Amino acid sequence: MAKTSEIWIVEGVEGISRRQQMQRLADWKKLFLAEAGASAVNIYEGGYGEYNGAWIYSVEFESAEACGKSTDRFHANSKSFDDAMDVWQKAPMLKFRGGGLIHLANI
Protein backbone atom coordinates (compact mmCIF):
# COMPACT_ATOMS: atom_id res chain seq x y z
CA MET A 1 0.00 0.00 0.00
CA ALA A 2 1.27 3.46 -0.88
CA LYS A 3 1.79 6.06 1.81
CA THR A 4 2.35 9.79 1.59
CA SER A 5 4.50 11.82 3.96
CA GLU A 6 4.81 15.56 4.20
CA ILE A 7 8.33 16.42 5.33
CA TRP A 8 9.43 19.77 6.76
CA ILE A 9 12.86 20.93 7.80
CA VAL A 10 12.67 23.55 10.53
CA GLU A 11 15.17 25.41 12.70
CA GLY A 12 14.81 27.12 16.02
CA VAL A 13 14.54 30.88 16.14
CA GLU A 14 17.62 32.44 17.71
CA GLY A 15 17.29 32.72 21.48
CA ILE A 16 14.68 29.94 21.76
CA SER A 17 15.65 26.96 23.90
CA ARG A 18 15.51 23.36 22.77
CA ARG A 19 12.73 22.70 25.29
CA GLN A 20 10.63 25.54 23.82
CA GLN A 21 11.21 24.19 20.31
CA MET A 22 10.16 20.70 21.39
CA GLN A 23 6.98 22.06 22.97
CA ARG A 24 6.00 23.83 19.74
CA LEU A 25 6.70 20.65 17.74
CA ALA A 26 4.49 18.73 20.18
CA ASP A 27 1.71 21.31 19.64
CA TRP A 28 1.98 20.76 15.88
CA LYS A 29 1.93 16.98 16.34
CA LYS A 30 -1.22 17.13 18.46
CA LEU A 31 -2.99 19.35 15.91
CA PHE A 32 -2.07 17.18 12.92
CA LEU A 33 -3.11 13.96 14.63
CA ALA A 34 -6.38 15.38 15.95
CA GLU A 35 -7.57 17.49 13.04
CA ALA A 36 -5.60 16.84 9.87
CA GLY A 37 -6.19 13.10 9.61
CA ALA A 38 -2.53 12.16 9.84
CA SER A 39 -1.83 8.53 10.70
CA ALA A 40 1.49 9.38 12.37
CA VAL A 41 3.76 12.32 13.10
CA ASN A 42 7.49 11.75 13.54
CA ILE A 43 10.02 14.29 14.77
CA TYR A 44 13.75 13.80 14.23
CA GLU A 45 16.42 16.02 15.71
CA GLY A 46 19.12 17.07 13.27
CA GLY A 47 21.28 18.82 15.83
CA TYR A 48 21.10 20.26 19.30
CA GLY A 49 18.59 23.10 19.63
CA GLU A 50 20.88 25.39 21.58
CA TYR A 51 23.53 25.07 18.85
CA ASN A 52 21.48 26.11 15.79
CA GLY A 53 20.00 22.64 15.50
CA ALA A 54 17.37 21.57 13.03
CA TRP A 55 14.35 19.30 13.12
CA ILE A 56 12.88 17.03 10.49
CA TYR A 57 9.12 16.93 10.94
CA SER A 58 7.25 14.18 9.10
CA VAL A 59 3.46 14.00 8.86
CA GLU A 60 2.36 10.61 7.51
CA PHE A 61 -0.87 9.74 5.72
CA GLU A 62 -2.14 6.31 4.68
CA SER A 63 -2.37 7.40 1.04
CA ALA A 64 -2.08 10.36 -1.31
CA GLU A 65 -5.88 10.52 -1.19
CA ALA A 66 -5.82 10.87 2.62
CA CYS A 67 -3.22 13.64 2.30
CA GLY A 68 -5.43 15.42 -0.25
CA LYS A 69 -8.49 15.09 1.99
CA SER A 70 -6.47 16.62 4.82
CA THR A 71 -5.64 19.62 2.63
CA ASP A 72 -9.29 19.90 1.59
CA ARG A 73 -10.39 19.85 5.27
CA PHE A 74 -7.89 22.56 6.07
CA HIS A 75 -9.11 24.85 3.29
CA ALA A 76 -12.80 24.13 3.99
CA ASN A 77 -12.63 25.03 7.68
CA SER A 78 -9.25 26.23 8.82
CA LYS A 79 -10.41 28.01 11.99
CA SER A 80 -8.49 25.77 14.38
CA PHE A 81 -5.35 26.10 12.25
CA ASP A 82 -5.85 29.86 11.96
CA ASP A 83 -6.32 30.15 15.72
CA ALA A 84 -3.17 28.12 16.30
CA MET A 85 -1.21 30.18 13.78
CA ASP A 86 -2.32 33.40 15.48
CA VAL A 87 -0.87 32.14 18.76
CA TRP A 88 2.27 30.73 17.14
CA GLN A 89 3.02 33.87 15.13
CA LYS A 90 2.89 36.02 18.26
CA ALA A 91 5.67 33.90 19.77
CA PRO A 92 7.67 32.37 16.90
CA MET A 93 9.93 29.51 17.94
CA LEU A 94 10.66 27.73 14.66
CA LYS A 95 11.35 28.77 11.09
CA PHE A 96 10.80 26.66 7.98
CA ARG A 97 13.78 25.88 5.75
CA GLY A 98 12.22 23.52 3.21
CA GLY A 99 10.03 20.52 2.69
CA GLY A 100 7.87 18.57 0.32
CA LEU A 101 5.75 15.47 -0.23
CA ILE A 102 7.11 11.95 -0.53
CA HIS A 103 4.95 9.17 -1.98
CA LEU A 104 6.08 5.67 -0.98
CA ALA A 105 4.81 2.62 -2.81
CA ASN A 106 5.45 -0.89 -1.58
CA ILE A 107 6.17 -2.79 -4.77
PDB file of N, CA and C in Angstrom:
ATOM      1  N   MET A   1       0.841  -1.178   0.000  1.00  0.00           N
ATOM      2  CA  MET A   1       0.000   0.000   0.000  1.00  0.00           C
ATOM      3  C   MET A   1       0.888   1.244   0.000  1.00  0.00           C
ATOM      4  N   ALA A   2       0.503   2.218  -0.786  1.00  0.00           N
ATOM      5  CA  ALA A   2       1.266   3.458  -0.880  1.00  0.00           C
ATOM      6  C   ALA A   2       0.956   4.351   0.310  1.00  0.00           C
ATOM      7  N   LYS A   3       1.958   5.085   0.730  1.00  0.00           N
ATOM      8  CA  LYS A   3       1.789   6.065   1.805  1.00  0.00           C
ATOM      9  C   LYS A   3       2.346   7.391   1.322  1.00  0.00           C
ATOM     10  N   THR A   4       1.859   8.451   1.926  1.00  0.00           N
ATOM     11  CA  THR A   4       2.349   9.786   1.590  1.00  0.00           C
ATOM     12  C   THR A   4       2.810  10.464   2.874  1.00  0.00           C
ATOM     13  N   SER A   5       3.967  11.077   2.815  1.00  0.00           N
ATOM     14  CA  SER A   5       4.499  11.822   3.958  1.00  0.00           C
ATOM     15  C   SER A   5       4.785  13.246   3.524  1.00  0.00           C
ATOM     16  N   GLU A   6       4.436  14.167   4.393  1.00  0.00           N
ATOM     17  CA  GLU A   6       4.807  15.565   4.199  1.00  0.00           C
ATOM     18  C   GLU A   6       5.979  15.813   5.134  1.00  0.00           C
ATOM     19  N   ILE A   7       7.094  16.239   4.564  1.00  0.00           N
ATOM     20  CA  ILE A   7       8.327  16.421   5.332  1.00  0.00           C
ATOM     21  C   ILE A   7       8.663  17.907   5.392  1.00  0.00           C
ATOM     22  N   TRP A   8       8.994  18.392   6.576  1.00  0.00           N
ATOM     23  CA  TRP A   8       9.432  19.773   6.756  1.00  0.00           C
ATOM     24  C   TRP A   8      10.782  19.767   7.450  1.00  0.00           C
ATOM     25  N   ILE A   9      11.612  20.693   7.080  1.00  0.00           N
ATOM     26  CA  ILE A   9      12.863  20.933   7.796  1.00  0.00           C
ATOM     27  C   ILE A   9      12.714  22.293   8.461  1.00  0.00           C
ATOM     28  N   VAL A  10      12.844  22.314   9.775  1.00  0.00           N
ATOM     29  CA  VAL A  10      12.667  23.553  10.531  1.00  0.00           C
ATOM     30  C   VAL A  10      13.861  23.775  11.455  1.00  0.00           C
ATOM     31  N   GLU A  11      14.106  25.023  11.764  1.00  0.00           N
ATOM     32  CA  GLU A  11      15.170  25.407  12.696  1.00  0.00           C
ATOM     33  C   GLU A  11      14.576  26.253  13.802  1.00  0.00           C
ATOM     34  N   GLY A  12      15.242  26.266  14.922  1.00  0.00           N
ATOM     35  CA  GLY A  12      14.811  27.119  16.016  1.00  0.00           C
ATOM     36  C   GLY A  12      15.138  28.575  15.756  1.00  0.00           C
ATOM     37  N   VAL A  13      14.277  29.446  16.212  1.00  0.00           N
ATOM     38  CA  VAL A  13      14.538  30.880  16.142  1.00  0.00           C
ATOM     39  C   VAL A  13      15.628  31.195  17.160  1.00  0.00           C
ATOM     40  N   GLU A  14      16.521  32.093  16.812  1.00  0.00           N
ATOM     41  CA  GLU A  14      17.623  32.441  17.706  1.00  0.00           C
ATOM     42  C   GLU A  14      17.089  32.885  19.069  1.00  0.00           C
ATOM     43  N   GLY A  15      17.679  32.359  20.123  1.00  0.00           N
ATOM     44  CA  GLY A  15      17.288  32.718  21.479  1.00  0.00           C
ATOM     45  C   GLY A  15      16.211  31.818  22.066  1.00  0.00           C
ATOM     46  N   ILE A  16      15.709  30.859  21.286  1.00  0.00           N
ATOM     47  CA  ILE A  16      14.675  29.937  21.757  1.00  0.00           C
ATOM     48  C   ILE A  16      15.349  28.635  22.191  1.00  0.00           C
ATOM     49  N   SER A  17      15.005  28.168  23.367  1.00  0.00           N
ATOM     50  CA  SER A  17      15.648  26.960  23.897  1.00  0.00           C
ATOM     51  C   SER A  17      15.139  25.702  23.197  1.00  0.00           C
ATOM     52  N   ARG A  18      15.897  24.650  23.324  1.00  0.00           N
ATOM     53  CA  ARG A  18      15.515  23.357  22.766  1.00  0.00           C
ATOM     54  C   ARG A  18      14.180  22.900  23.351  1.00  0.00           C
ATOM     55  N   ARG A  19      13.988  23.098  24.626  1.00  0.00           N
ATOM     56  CA  ARG A  19      12.733  22.705  25.288  1.00  0.00           C
ATOM     57  C   ARG A  19      11.544  23.458  24.683  1.00  0.00           C
ATOM     58  N   GLN A  20      11.703  24.752  24.428  1.00  0.00           N
ATOM     59  CA  GLN A  20      10.629  25.538  23.822  1.00  0.00           C
ATOM     60  C   GLN A  20      10.332  25.048  22.399  1.00  0.00           C
ATOM     61  N   GLN A  21      11.386  24.723  21.660  1.00  0.00           N
ATOM     62  CA  GLN A  21      11.205  24.195  20.309  1.00  0.00           C
ATOM     63  C   GLN A  21      10.446  22.872  20.349  1.00  0.00           C
ATOM     64  N   MET A  22      10.813  22.008  21.272  1.00  0.00           N
ATOM     65  CA  MET A  22      10.161  20.704  21.389  1.00  0.00           C
ATOM     66  C   MET A  22       8.690  20.864  21.770  1.00  0.00           C
ATOM     67  N   GLN A  23       8.380  21.836  22.596  1.00  0.00           N
ATOM     68  CA  GLN A  23       6.984  22.063  22.972  1.00  0.00           C
ATOM     69  C   GLN A  23       6.164  22.494  21.764  1.00  0.00           C
ATOM     70  N   ARG A  24       6.723  23.379  20.937  1.00  0.00           N
ATOM     71  CA  ARG A  24       5.998  23.827  19.743  1.00  0.00           C
ATOM     72  C   ARG A  24       5.806  22.661  18.773  1.00  0.00           C
ATOM     73  N   LEU A  25       6.827  21.825  18.598  1.00  0.00           N
ATOM     74  CA  LEU A  25       6.698  20.652  17.735  1.00  0.00           C
ATOM     75  C   LEU A  25       5.620  19.710  18.259  1.00  0.00           C
ATOM     76  N   ALA A  26       5.525  19.565  19.577  1.00  0.00           N
ATOM     77  CA  ALA A  26       4.486  18.726  20.184  1.00  0.00           C
ATOM     78  C   ALA A  26       3.101  19.315  19.923  1.00  0.00           C
ATOM     79  N   ASP A  27       2.985  20.646  19.962  1.00  0.00           N
ATOM     80  CA  ASP A  27       1.715  21.309  19.638  1.00  0.00           C
ATOM     81  C   ASP A  27       1.308  20.990  18.205  1.00  0.00           C
ATOM     82  N   TRP A  28       2.262  21.079  17.293  1.00  0.00           N
ATOM     83  CA  TRP A  28       1.978  20.763  15.884  1.00  0.00           C
ATOM     84  C   TRP A  28       1.537  19.308  15.745  1.00  0.00           C
ATOM     85  N   LYS A  29       2.257  18.412  16.430  1.00  0.00           N
ATOM     86  CA  LYS A  29       1.935  16.985  16.341  1.00  0.00           C
ATOM     87  C   LYS A  29       0.499  16.732  16.799  1.00  0.00           C
ATOM     88  N   LYS A  30       0.126  17.313  17.909  1.00  0.00           N
ATOM     89  CA  LYS A  30      -1.222  17.133  18.458  1.00  0.00           C
ATOM     90  C   LYS A  30      -2.272  17.621  17.456  1.00  0.00           C
ATOM     91  N   LEU A  31      -2.038  18.781  16.864  1.00  0.00           N
ATOM     92  CA  LEU A  31      -2.986  19.352  15.911  1.00  0.00           C
ATOM     93  C   LEU A  31      -3.119  18.469  14.661  1.00  0.00           C
ATOM     94  N   PHE A  32      -2.014  17.996  14.129  1.00  0.00           N
ATOM     95  CA  PHE A  32      -2.074  17.175  12.919  1.00  0.00           C
ATOM     96  C   PHE A  32      -2.719  15.822  13.174  1.00  0.00           C
ATOM     97  N   LEU A  33      -2.484  15.238  14.323  1.00  0.00           N
ATOM     98  CA  LEU A  33      -3.114  13.956  14.634  1.00  0.00           C
ATOM     99  C   LEU A  33      -4.604  14.114  14.902  1.00  0.00           C
ATOM    100  N   ALA A  34      -4.986  15.189  15.566  1.00  0.00           N
ATOM    101  CA  ALA A  34      -6.385  15.380  15.948  1.00  0.00           C
ATOM    102  C   ALA A  34      -7.251  15.902  14.803  1.00  0.00           C
ATOM    103  N   GLU A  35      -6.710  16.790  13.986  1.00  0.00           N
ATOM    104  CA  GLU A  35      -7.569  17.485  13.041  1.00  0.00           C
ATOM    105  C   GLU A  35      -7.202  17.330  11.577  1.00  0.00           C
ATOM    106  N   ALA A  36      -5.999  16.914  11.272  1.00  0.00           N
ATOM    107  CA  ALA A  36      -5.595  16.843   9.868  1.00  0.00           C
ATOM    108  C   ALA A  36      -5.719  15.437   9.296  1.00  0.00           C
ATOM    109  N   GLY A  37      -6.033  14.461  10.123  1.00  0.00           N
ATOM    110  CA  GLY A  37      -6.192  13.104   9.613  1.00  0.00           C
ATOM    111  C   GLY A  37      -4.891  12.361   9.386  1.00  0.00           C
ATOM    112  N   ALA A  38      -3.824  12.839   9.980  1.00  0.00           N
ATOM    113  CA  ALA A  38      -2.533  12.160   9.839  1.00  0.00           C
ATOM    114  C   ALA A  38      -2.569  10.831  10.590  1.00  0.00           C
ATOM    115  N   SER A  39      -1.896   9.825  10.025  1.00  0.00           N
ATOM    116  CA  SER A  39      -1.829   8.529  10.705  1.00  0.00           C
ATOM    117  C   SER A  39      -0.663   8.487  11.694  1.00  0.00           C
ATOM    118  N   ALA A  40       0.345   9.316  11.470  1.00  0.00           N
ATOM    119  CA  ALA A  40       1.493   9.381  12.375  1.00  0.00           C
ATOM    120  C   ALA A  40       2.223  10.700  12.158  1.00  0.00           C
ATOM    121  N   VAL A  41       2.895  11.147  13.191  1.00  0.00           N
ATOM    122  CA  VAL A  41       3.761  12.319  13.101  1.00  0.00           C
ATOM    123  C   VAL A  41       5.075  11.936  13.763  1.00  0.00           C
ATOM    124  N   ASN A  42       6.168  12.081  13.018  1.00  0.00           N
ATOM    125  CA  ASN A  42       7.490  11.752  13.540  1.00  0.00           C
ATOM    126  C   ASN A  42       8.358  13.000  13.551  1.00  0.00           C
ATOM    127  N   ILE A  43       9.136  13.132  14.608  1.00  0.00           N
ATOM    128  CA  ILE A  43      10.016  14.288  14.766  1.00  0.00           C
ATOM    129  C   ILE A  43      11.433  13.765  14.980  1.00  0.00           C
ATOM    130  N   TYR A  44      12.348  14.218  14.131  1.00  0.00           N
ATOM    131  CA  TYR A  44      13.746  13.805  14.229  1.00  0.00           C
ATOM    132  C   TYR A  44      14.599  15.040  14.493  1.00  0.00           C
ATOM    133  N   GLU A  45      15.530  14.899  15.393  1.00  0.00           N
ATOM    134  CA  GLU A  45      16.415  16.018  15.713  1.00  0.00           C
ATOM    135  C   GLU A  45      17.660  15.929  14.844  1.00  0.00           C
ATOM    136  N   GLY A  46      17.958  17.039  14.150  1.00  0.00           N
ATOM    137  CA  GLY A  46      19.118  17.070  13.272  1.00  0.00           C
ATOM    138  C   GLY A  46      20.286  17.815  13.879  1.00  0.00           C
ATOM    139  N   GLY A  47      20.224  18.096  15.134  1.00  0.00           N
ATOM    140  CA  GLY A  47      21.281  18.816  15.826  1.00  0.00           C
ATOM    141  C   GLY A  47      20.720  19.305  17.141  1.00  0.00           C
ATOM    142  N   TYR A  48      21.561  19.794  17.996  1.00  0.00           N
ATOM    143  CA  TYR A  48      21.100  20.263  19.296  1.00  0.00           C
ATOM    144  C   TYR A  48      20.505  21.651  19.172  1.00  0.00           C
ATOM    145  N   GLY A  49      19.326  21.845  19.757  1.00  0.00           N
ATOM    146  CA  GLY A  49      18.591  23.097  19.633  1.00  0.00           C
ATOM    147  C   GLY A  49      19.358  24.327  20.048  1.00  0.00           C
ATOM    148  N   GLU A  50      20.149  24.222  21.120  1.00  0.00           N
ATOM    149  CA  GLU A  50      20.879  25.393  21.584  1.00  0.00           C
ATOM    150  C   GLU A  50      22.042  25.746  20.661  1.00  0.00           C
ATOM    151  N   TYR A  51      22.386  24.861  19.735  1.00  0.00           N
ATOM    152  CA  TYR A  51      23.533  25.070  18.848  1.00  0.00           C
ATOM    153  C   TYR A  51      23.075  25.136  17.401  1.00  0.00           C
ATOM    154  N   ASN A  52      22.019  25.936  17.136  1.00  0.00           N
ATOM    155  CA  ASN A  52      21.484  26.107  15.795  1.00  0.00           C
ATOM    156  C   ASN A  52      21.097  24.761  15.188  1.00  0.00           C
ATOM    157  N   GLY A  53      20.439  23.945  15.962  1.00  0.00           N
ATOM    158  CA  GLY A  53      20.003  22.640  15.495  1.00  0.00           C
ATOM    159  C   GLY A  53      18.844  22.746  14.529  1.00  0.00           C
ATOM    160  N   ALA A  54      18.493  21.627  13.964  1.00  0.00           N
ATOM    161  CA  ALA A  54      17.368  21.571  13.033  1.00  0.00           C
ATOM    162  C   ALA A  54      16.510  20.359  13.380  1.00  0.00           C
ATOM    163  N   TRP A  55      15.292  20.380  12.900  1.00  0.00           N
ATOM    164  CA  TRP A  55      14.355  19.297  13.123  1.00  0.00           C
ATOM    165  C   TRP A  55      13.800  18.848  11.777  1.00  0.00           C
ATOM    166  N   ILE A  56      13.589  17.572  11.637  1.00  0.00           N
ATOM    167  CA  ILE A  56      12.877  17.028  10.486  1.00  0.00           C
ATOM    168  C   ILE A  56      11.534  16.577  11.023  1.00  0.00           C
ATOM    169  N   TYR A  57      10.487  17.144  10.464  1.00  0.00           N
ATOM    170  CA  TYR A  57       9.124  16.928  10.944  1.00  0.00           C
ATOM    171  C   TYR A  57       8.361  16.210   9.839  1.00  0.00           C
ATOM    172  N   SER A  58       7.903  15.006  10.112  1.00  0.00           N
ATOM    173  CA  SER A  58       7.253  14.178   9.102  1.00  0.00           C
ATOM    174  C   SER A  58       5.809  13.887   9.506  1.00  0.00           C
ATOM    175  N   VAL A  59       4.868  14.283   8.646  1.00  0.00           N
ATOM    176  CA  VAL A  59       3.456  14.000   8.861  1.00  0.00           C
ATOM    177  C   VAL A  59       3.073  12.913   7.866  1.00  0.00           C
ATOM    178  N   GLU A  60       2.638  11.756   8.375  1.00  0.00           N
ATOM    179  CA  GLU A  60       2.360  10.614   7.506  1.00  0.00           C
ATOM    180  C   GLU A  60       0.863  10.405   7.310  1.00  0.00           C
ATOM    181  N   PHE A  61       0.508  10.050   6.087  1.00  0.00           N
ATOM    182  CA  PHE A  61      -0.866   9.740   5.716  1.00  0.00           C
ATOM    183  C   PHE A  61      -0.893   8.353   5.082  1.00  0.00           C
ATOM    184  N   GLU A  62      -2.013   7.665   5.215  1.00  0.00           N
ATOM    185  CA  GLU A  62      -2.139   6.307   4.681  1.00  0.00           C
ATOM    186  C   GLU A  62      -2.081   6.262   3.166  1.00  0.00           C
ATOM    187  N   SER A  63      -2.393   7.369   2.500  1.00  0.00           N
ATOM    188  CA  SER A  63      -2.372   7.403   1.035  1.00  0.00           C
ATOM    189  C   SER A  63      -2.300   8.851   0.571  1.00  0.00           C
ATOM    190  N   ALA A  64      -2.050   9.016  -0.734  1.00  0.00           N
ATOM    191  CA  ALA A  64      -2.079  10.361  -1.309  1.00  0.00           C
ATOM    192  C   ALA A  64      -3.485  10.935  -1.197  1.00  0.00           C
ATOM    193  N   GLU A  65      -4.499  10.067  -1.320  1.00  0.00           N
ATOM    194  CA  GLU A  65      -5.881  10.516  -1.192  1.00  0.00           C
ATOM    195  C   GLU A  65      -6.140  11.075   0.206  1.00  0.00           C
ATOM    196  N   ALA A  66      -5.643  10.395   1.241  1.00  0.00           N
ATOM    197  CA  ALA A  66      -5.822  10.870   2.618  1.00  0.00           C
ATOM    198  C   ALA A  66      -5.114  12.208   2.821  1.00  0.00           C
ATOM    199  N   CYS A  67      -3.955  12.369   2.214  1.00  0.00           N
ATOM    200  CA  CYS A  67      -3.223  13.640   2.298  1.00  0.00           C
ATOM    201  C   CYS A  67      -4.035  14.741   1.626  1.00  0.00           C
ATOM    202  N   GLY A  68      -4.601  14.448   0.464  1.00  0.00           N
ATOM    203  CA  GLY A  68      -5.434  15.416  -0.246  1.00  0.00           C
ATOM    204  C   GLY A  68      -6.670  15.796   0.545  1.00  0.00           C
ATOM    205  N   LYS A  69      -7.306  14.805   1.176  1.00  0.00           N
ATOM    206  CA  LYS A  69      -8.485  15.089   1.992  1.00  0.00           C
ATOM    207  C   LYS A  69      -8.121  15.982   3.169  1.00  0.00           C
ATOM    208  N   SER A  70      -6.938  15.780   3.720  1.00  0.00           N
ATOM    209  CA  SER A  70      -6.469  16.623   4.816  1.00  0.00           C
ATOM    210  C   SER A  70      -6.350  18.075   4.354  1.00  0.00           C
ATOM    211  N   THR A  71      -5.774  18.268   3.185  1.00  0.00           N
ATOM    212  CA  THR A  71      -5.636  19.616   2.630  1.00  0.00           C
ATOM    213  C   THR A  71      -7.009  20.227   2.368  1.00  0.00           C
ATOM    214  N   ASP A  72      -7.928  19.411   1.839  1.00  0.00           N
ATOM    215  CA  ASP A  72      -9.292  19.903   1.595  1.00  0.00           C
ATOM    216  C   ASP A  72      -9.966  20.322   2.894  1.00  0.00           C
ATOM    217  N   ARG A  73      -9.802  19.504   3.967  1.00  0.00           N
ATOM    218  CA  ARG A  73     -10.392  19.850   5.272  1.00  0.00           C
ATOM    219  C   ARG A  73      -9.828  21.164   5.787  1.00  0.00           C
ATOM    220  N   PHE A  74      -8.543  21.325   5.621  1.00  0.00           N
ATOM    221  CA  PHE A  74      -7.892  22.557   6.070  1.00  0.00           C
ATOM    222  C   PHE A  74      -8.473  23.775   5.373  1.00  0.00           C
ATOM    223  N   HIS A  75      -8.609  23.696   4.044  1.00  0.00           N
ATOM    224  CA  HIS A  75      -9.108  24.846   3.295  1.00  0.00           C
ATOM    225  C   HIS A  75     -10.607  25.066   3.499  1.00  0.00           C
ATOM    226  N   ALA A  76     -11.352  24.004   3.785  1.00  0.00           N
ATOM    227  CA  ALA A  76     -12.798  24.132   3.988  1.00  0.00           C
ATOM    228  C   ALA A  76     -13.131  24.799   5.320  1.00  0.00           C
ATOM    229  N   ASN A  77     -12.350  24.479   6.356  1.00  0.00           N
ATOM    230  CA  ASN A  77     -12.628  25.035   7.683  1.00  0.00           C
ATOM    231  C   ASN A  77     -11.317  25.097   8.445  1.00  0.00           C
ATOM    232  N   SER A  78     -10.585  26.145   8.230  1.00  0.00           N
ATOM    233  CA  SER A  78      -9.250  26.233   8.820  1.00  0.00           C
ATOM    234  C   SER A  78      -9.226  27.016  10.130  1.00  0.00           C
ATOM    235  N   LYS A  79     -10.372  27.194  10.774  1.00  0.00           N
ATOM    236  CA  LYS A  79     -10.414  28.012  11.990  1.00  0.00           C
ATOM    237  C   LYS A  79      -9.434  27.539  13.054  1.00  0.00           C
ATOM    238  N   SER A  80      -9.396  26.240  13.328  1.00  0.00           N
ATOM    239  CA  SER A  80      -8.493  25.767  14.378  1.00  0.00           C
ATOM    240  C   SER A  80      -7.035  26.004  13.986  1.00  0.00           C
ATOM    241  N   PHE A  81      -6.707  25.821  12.697  1.00  0.00           N
ATOM    242  CA  PHE A  81      -5.351  26.098  12.246  1.00  0.00           C
ATOM    243  C   PHE A  81      -5.064  27.599  12.315  1.00  0.00           C
ATOM    244  N   ASP A  82      -6.038  28.414  11.894  1.00  0.00           N
ATOM    245  CA  ASP A  82      -5.854  29.864  11.955  1.00  0.00           C
ATOM    246  C   ASP A  82      -5.660  30.335  13.390  1.00  0.00           C
ATOM    247  N   ASP A  83      -6.468  29.795  14.312  1.00  0.00           N
ATOM    248  CA  ASP A  83      -6.317  30.150  15.725  1.00  0.00           C
ATOM    249  C   ASP A  83      -4.934  29.766  16.238  1.00  0.00           C
ATOM    250  N   ALA A  84      -4.497  28.569  15.875  1.00  0.00           N
ATOM    251  CA  ALA A  84      -3.169  28.117  16.303  1.00  0.00           C
ATOM    252  C   ALA A  84      -2.088  29.013  15.708  1.00  0.00           C
ATOM    253  N   MET A  85      -2.215  29.330  14.424  1.00  0.00           N
ATOM    254  CA  MET A  85      -1.211  30.177  13.776  1.00  0.00           C
ATOM    255  C   MET A  85      -1.160  31.568  14.414  1.00  0.00           C
ATOM    256  N   ASP A  86      -2.309  32.103  14.804  1.00  0.00           N
ATOM    257  CA  ASP A  86      -2.318  33.405  15.484  1.00  0.00           C
ATOM    258  C   ASP A  86      -1.474  33.355  16.748  1.00  0.00           C
ATOM    259  N   VAL A  87      -1.643  32.310  17.523  1.00  0.00           N
ATOM    260  CA  VAL A  87      -0.871  32.142  18.756  1.00  0.00           C
ATOM    261  C   VAL A  87       0.604  31.943  18.420  1.00  0.00           C
ATOM    262  N   TRP A  88       0.890  31.064  17.465  1.00  0.00           N
ATOM    263  CA  TRP A  88       2.274  30.734  17.141  1.00  0.00           C
ATOM    264  C   TRP A  88       3.029  31.908  16.539  1.00  0.00           C
ATOM    265  N   GLN A  89       2.342  32.740  15.748  1.00  0.00           N
ATOM    266  CA  GLN A  89       3.020  33.870  15.127  1.00  0.00           C
ATOM    267  C   GLN A  89       3.351  34.968  16.133  1.00  0.00           C
ATOM    268  N   LYS A  90       2.604  35.032  17.223  1.00  0.00           N
ATOM    269  CA  LYS A  90       2.895  36.024  18.258  1.00  0.00           C
ATOM    270  C   LYS A  90       4.149  35.650  19.049  1.00  0.00           C
ATOM    271  N   ALA A  91       4.476  34.371  19.062  1.00  0.00           N
ATOM    272  CA  ALA A  91       5.666  33.900  19.772  1.00  0.00           C
ATOM    273  C   ALA A  91       6.383  32.867  18.897  1.00  0.00           C
ATOM    274  N   PRO A  92       7.024  33.316  17.806  1.00  0.00           N
ATOM    275  CA  PRO A  92       7.674  32.366  16.899  1.00  0.00           C
ATOM    276  C   PRO A  92       8.821  31.631  17.577  1.00  0.00           C
ATOM    277  N   MET A  93       8.870  30.327  17.367  1.00  0.00           N
ATOM    278  CA  MET A  93       9.930  29.509  17.941  1.00  0.00           C
ATOM    279  C   MET A  93      10.683  28.713  16.885  1.00  0.00           C
ATOM    280  N   LEU A  94      10.051  28.521  15.727  1.00  0.00           N
ATOM    281  CA  LEU A  94      10.658  27.731  14.659  1.00  0.00           C
ATOM    282  C   LEU A  94      10.511  28.458  13.332  1.00  0.00           C
ATOM    283  N   LYS A  95      11.446  28.207  12.432  1.00  0.00           N
ATOM    284  CA  LYS A  95      11.349  28.766  11.089  1.00  0.00           C
ATOM    285  C   LYS A  95      11.543  27.646  10.066  1.00  0.00           C
ATOM    286  N   PHE A  96      10.761  27.692   9.012  1.00  0.00           N
ATOM    287  CA  PHE A  96      10.802  26.663   7.981  1.00  0.00           C
ATOM    288  C   PHE A  96      11.982  26.886   7.051  1.00  0.00           C
ATOM    289  N   ARG A  97      12.657  25.811   6.679  1.00  0.00           N
ATOM    290  CA  ARG A  97      13.780  25.879   5.750  1.00  0.00           C
ATOM    291  C   ARG A  97      13.482  25.181   4.435  1.00  0.00           C
ATOM    292  N   GLY A  98      12.556  24.235   4.447  1.00  0.00           N
ATOM    293  CA  GLY A  98      12.223  23.517   3.212  1.00  0.00           C
ATOM    294  C   GLY A  98      11.303  22.358   3.527  1.00  0.00           C
ATOM    295  N   GLY A  99      10.896  21.671   2.495  1.00  0.00           N
ATOM    296  CA  GLY A  99      10.029  20.522   2.694  1.00  0.00           C
ATOM    297  C   GLY A  99       9.410  20.067   1.401  1.00  0.00           C
ATOM    298  N   GLY A 100       8.539  19.084   1.501  1.00  0.00           N
ATOM    299  CA  GLY A 100       7.868  18.574   0.315  1.00  0.00           C
ATOM    300  C   GLY A 100       7.095  17.320   0.649  1.00  0.00           C
ATOM    301  N   LEU A 101       6.514  16.709  -0.385  1.00  0.00           N
ATOM    302  CA  LEU A 101       5.754  15.466  -0.234  1.00  0.00           C
ATOM    303  C   LEU A 101       6.570  14.307  -0.763  1.00  0.00           C
ATOM    304  N   ILE A 102       6.466  13.180  -0.092  1.00  0.00           N
ATOM    305  CA  ILE A 102       7.105  11.949  -0.530  1.00  0.00           C
ATOM    306  C   ILE A 102       6.011  10.890  -0.619  1.00  0.00           C
ATOM    307  N   HIS A 103       5.916  10.264  -1.787  1.00  0.00           N
ATOM    308  CA  HIS A 103       4.950   9.172  -1.982  1.00  0.00           C
ATOM    309  C   HIS A 103       5.714   7.861  -1.995  1.00  0.00           C
ATOM    310  N   LEU A 104       5.401   6.960  -1.083  1.00  0.00           N
ATOM    311  CA  LEU A 104       6.083   5.672  -0.979  1.00  0.00           C
ATOM    312  C   LEU A 104       5.154   4.569  -1.447  1.00  0.00           C
ATOM    313  N   ALA A 105       5.604   3.749  -2.345  1.00  0.00           N
ATOM    314  CA  ALA A 105       4.806   2.619  -2.808  1.00  0.00           C
ATOM    315  C   ALA A 105       5.547   1.330  -2.499  1.00  0.00           C
ATOM    316  N   ASN A 106       4.872   0.417  -1.853  1.00  0.00           N
ATOM    317  CA  ASN A 106       5.451  -0.891  -1.576  1.00  0.00           C
ATOM    318  C   ASN A 106       5.232  -1.779  -2.803  1.00  0.00           C
ATOM    319  N   ILE A 107       6.282  -1.989  -3.540  1.00  0.00           N
ATOM    320  CA  ILE A 107       6.166  -2.791  -4.769  1.00  0.00           C
ATOM    321  C   ILE A 107       6.862  -4.123  -4.586  1.00  0.00           C
TER     322      ILE A 107
END
